[in-house]
C-alpha atoms as a PDB file:
ATOM      1  CA  MET A   1      22.325  65.445 143.386  1.00  0.00           C
ATOM      2  CA  THR A   2      18.531  65.512 143.081  1.00  0.00           C
ATOM      3  CA  CYS A   3      18.223  62.657 145.554  1.00  0.00           C
ATOM      4  CA  PHE A   4      20.425  64.520 148.023  1.00  0.00           C
ATOM      5  CA  VAL A   5      18.395  67.719 147.695  1.00  0.00           C
ATOM      6  CA  SER A   6      15.197  65.709 148.211  1.00  0.00           C
ATOM      7  CA  GLU A   7      16.755  64.077 151.304  1.00  0.00           C
ATOM      8  CA  ARG A   8      16.550  60.620 149.719  1.00  0.00           C
ATOM      9  CA  TYR A   9      19.958  59.650 151.035  1.00  0.00           C
ATOM     10  CA  ASP A  10      19.783  55.923 150.307  1.00  0.00           C
ATOM     11  CA  GLU A  11      19.105  56.708 146.643  1.00  0.00           C
ATOM     12  CA  ALA A  12      21.826  59.368 146.609  1.00  0.00           C
ATOM     13  CA  ILE A  13      24.314  56.794 147.918  1.00  0.00           C
ATOM     14  CA  GLU A  14      23.161  54.235 145.365  1.00  0.00           C
ATOM     15  CA  HIS A  15      23.561  56.706 142.482  1.00  0.00           C
ATOM     16  CA  ALA A  16      26.937  57.817 143.809  1.00  0.00           C
ATOM     17  CA  ASN A  17      28.109  54.197 143.993  1.00  0.00           C
ATOM     18  CA  GLN A  18      27.010  53.608 140.392  1.00  0.00           C
ATOM     19  CA  SER A  19      28.901  56.704 139.279  1.00  0.00           C
ATOM     20  CA  ILE A  20      32.004  55.693 141.226  1.00  0.00           C
ATOM     21  CA  ARG A  21      31.934  52.234 139.631  1.00  0.00           C
ATOM     22  CA  LEU A  22      31.863  53.869 136.183  1.00  0.00           C
ATOM     23  CA  ASN A  23      34.495  56.465 137.066  1.00  0.00           C
ATOM     24  CA  PRO A  24      36.475  55.672 140.241  1.00  0.00           C
ATOM     25  CA  LYS A  25      38.146  59.111 140.139  1.00  0.00           C
ATOM     26  CA  ASN A  26      34.842  60.996 140.364  1.00  0.00           C
ATOM     27  CA  GLY A  27      35.392  63.163 143.419  1.00  0.00           C
ATOM     28  CA  THR A  28      31.974  64.801 143.183  1.00  0.00           C
ATOM     29  CA  SER A  29      30.137  61.488 143.497  1.00  0.00           C
ATOM     30  CA  ARG A  30      32.363  60.529 146.400  1.00  0.00           C
ATOM     31  CA  ARG A  31      31.572  63.804 148.191  1.00  0.00           C
ATOM     32  CA  ILE A  32      27.834  63.316 147.629  1.00  0.00           C
ATOM     33  CA  LYS A  33      28.166  59.809 149.017  1.00  0.00           C
ATOM     34  CA  ALA A  34      30.069  61.145 152.038  1.00  0.00           C
ATOM     35  CA  VAL A  35      27.500  63.791 152.946  1.00  0.00           C
ATOM     36  CA  SER A  36      24.606  61.390 152.371  1.00  0.00           C
ATOM     37  CA  LEU A  37      26.180  58.824 154.683  1.00  0.00           C
ATOM     38  CA  VAL A  38      26.754  61.461 157.364  1.00  0.00           C
ATOM     39  CA  LEU A  39      23.173  62.687 157.112  1.00  0.00           C
ATOM     40  CA  LYS A  40      21.916  59.097 157.375  1.00  0.00           C
ATOM     41  CA  GLY A  41      23.802  58.887 160.660  1.00  0.00           C
ATOM     42  CA  ASP A  42      26.806  56.830 159.531  1.00  0.00           C
ATOM     43  CA  LEU A  43      29.596  59.254 160.373  1.00  0.00           C
ATOM     44  CA  GLU A  44      32.436  56.735 160.100  1.00  0.00           C
ATOM     45  CA  ALA A  45      31.398  55.593 156.614  1.00  0.00           C
ATOM     46  CA  GLY A  46      30.968  59.258 155.646  1.00  0.00           C
ATOM     47  CA  LYS A  47      34.511  60.007 156.803  1.00  0.00           C
ATOM     48  CA  GLN A  48      35.857  57.062 154.794  1.00  0.00           C
ATOM     49  CA  ALA A  49      33.960  58.203 151.704  1.00  0.00           C
ATOM     50  CA  PHE A  50      35.331  61.722 152.154  1.00  0.00           C
ATOM     51  CA  GLU A  51      38.881  60.403 152.479  1.00  0.00           C
ATOM     52  CA  GLY A  52      38.363  58.553 149.192  1.00  0.00           C
ATOM     53  CA  ALA A  53      37.083  61.740 147.552  1.00  0.00           C
ATOM     54  CA  HIS A  54      40.068  63.724 148.796  1.00  0.00           C
ATOM     55  CA  GLU A  55      42.502  61.050 147.590  1.00  0.00           C
ATOM     56  CA  VAL A  56      41.155  61.016 144.039  1.00  0.00           C
ATOM     57  CA  GLN A  57      40.452  64.749 143.762  1.00  0.00           C
ATOM     58  CA  ALA A  58      42.008  67.166 146.213  1.00  0.00           C
ATOM     59  CA  ILE A  59      40.280  70.524 145.860  1.00  0.00           C
ATOM     60  CA  ASN A  60      40.270  73.997 147.365  1.00  0.00           C
ATOM     61  CA  TYR A  61      37.478  73.558 149.911  1.00  0.00           C
ATOM     62  CA  ARG A  62      37.002  77.264 150.561  1.00  0.00           C
ATOM     63  CA  ALA A  63      36.282  77.843 146.858  1.00  0.00           C
ATOM     64  CA  TYR A  64      34.190  74.669 146.735  1.00  0.00           C
ATOM     65  CA  ALA A  65      32.051  75.869 149.651  1.00  0.00           C
ATOM     66  CA  GLU A  66      31.399  79.146 147.846  1.00  0.00           C
ATOM     67  CA  SER A  67      30.365  77.312 144.677  1.00  0.00           C
ATOM     68  CA  VAL A  68      28.030  75.032 146.663  1.00  0.00           C
ATOM     69  CA  LYS A  69      26.346  78.108 148.126  1.00  0.00           C
ATOM     70  CA  ARG A  70      25.741  79.433 144.596  1.00  0.00           C
ATOM     71  CA  ILE A  71      24.534  76.132 143.114  1.00  0.00           C
ATOM     72  CA  PHE A  72      21.731  75.347 145.550  1.00  0.00           C
ATOM     73  CA  LYS A  73      18.674  77.578 145.398  1.00  0.00           C
ATOM     74  CA  LEU A  74      17.224  76.840 148.839  1.00  0.00           C
ATOM     75  CA  GLU A  75      19.247  78.369 151.656  1.00  0.00           C
ATOM     76  CA  GLU A  76      19.109  75.338 153.950  1.00  0.00           C
ATOM     77  CA  THR A  77      20.479  72.943 151.298  1.00  0.00           C
ATOM     78  CA  PRO A  78      24.052  74.302 151.162  1.00  0.00           C
ATOM     79  CA  LYS A  79      24.101  74.545 154.963  1.00  0.00           C
ATOM     80  CA  ARG A  80      23.063  70.885 155.214  1.00  0.00           C
ATOM     81  CA  PHE A  81      25.525  69.803 152.515  1.00  0.00           C
ATOM     82  CA  LEU A  82      28.495  71.774 153.850  1.00  0.00           C
ATOM     83  CA  GLY A  83      27.745  70.853 157.467  1.00  0.00           C
ATOM     84  CA  ALA A  84      27.757  67.168 156.587  1.00  0.00           C
ATOM     85  CA  LEU A  85      30.892  67.568 154.471  1.00  0.00           C
ATOM     86  CA  ARG A  86      32.585  69.335 157.407  1.00  0.00           C
ATOM     87  CA  ALA A  87      31.525  66.487 159.714  1.00  0.00           C
ATOM     88  CA  ALA A  88      33.035  63.999 157.236  1.00  0.00           C
ATOM     89  CA  GLY A  89      36.378  65.778 157.504  1.00  0.00           C
ATOM     90  CA  ALA A  90      36.447  68.573 154.931  1.00  0.00           C
ATOM     91  CA  PRO A  91      38.482  71.582 156.059  1.00  0.00           C
ATOM     92  CA  ILE A  92      35.658  74.107 155.621  1.00  0.00           C
ATOM     93  CA  ASP A  93      35.453  77.226 157.784  1.00  0.00           C
END
């Protein structure tokens, strides 16, 4: 998550991949990978990563969006995260 916040998307993807290898059902790592891919400009790979996240861990995205807004301290970070997650296919208002 730190790499994502610092906009080091390649590192965020690398860490997410390591986490997914250790725990293939880790939806959080898959979502971080999805948003990082989208923000790097690879929308199709981001969509595929999001689909994988949704398959292993379907969640209530409205509640998830609210929790993301509370977790991040800087206002632009949740906007960036949720915007990329929306672009990857998450049903977020």
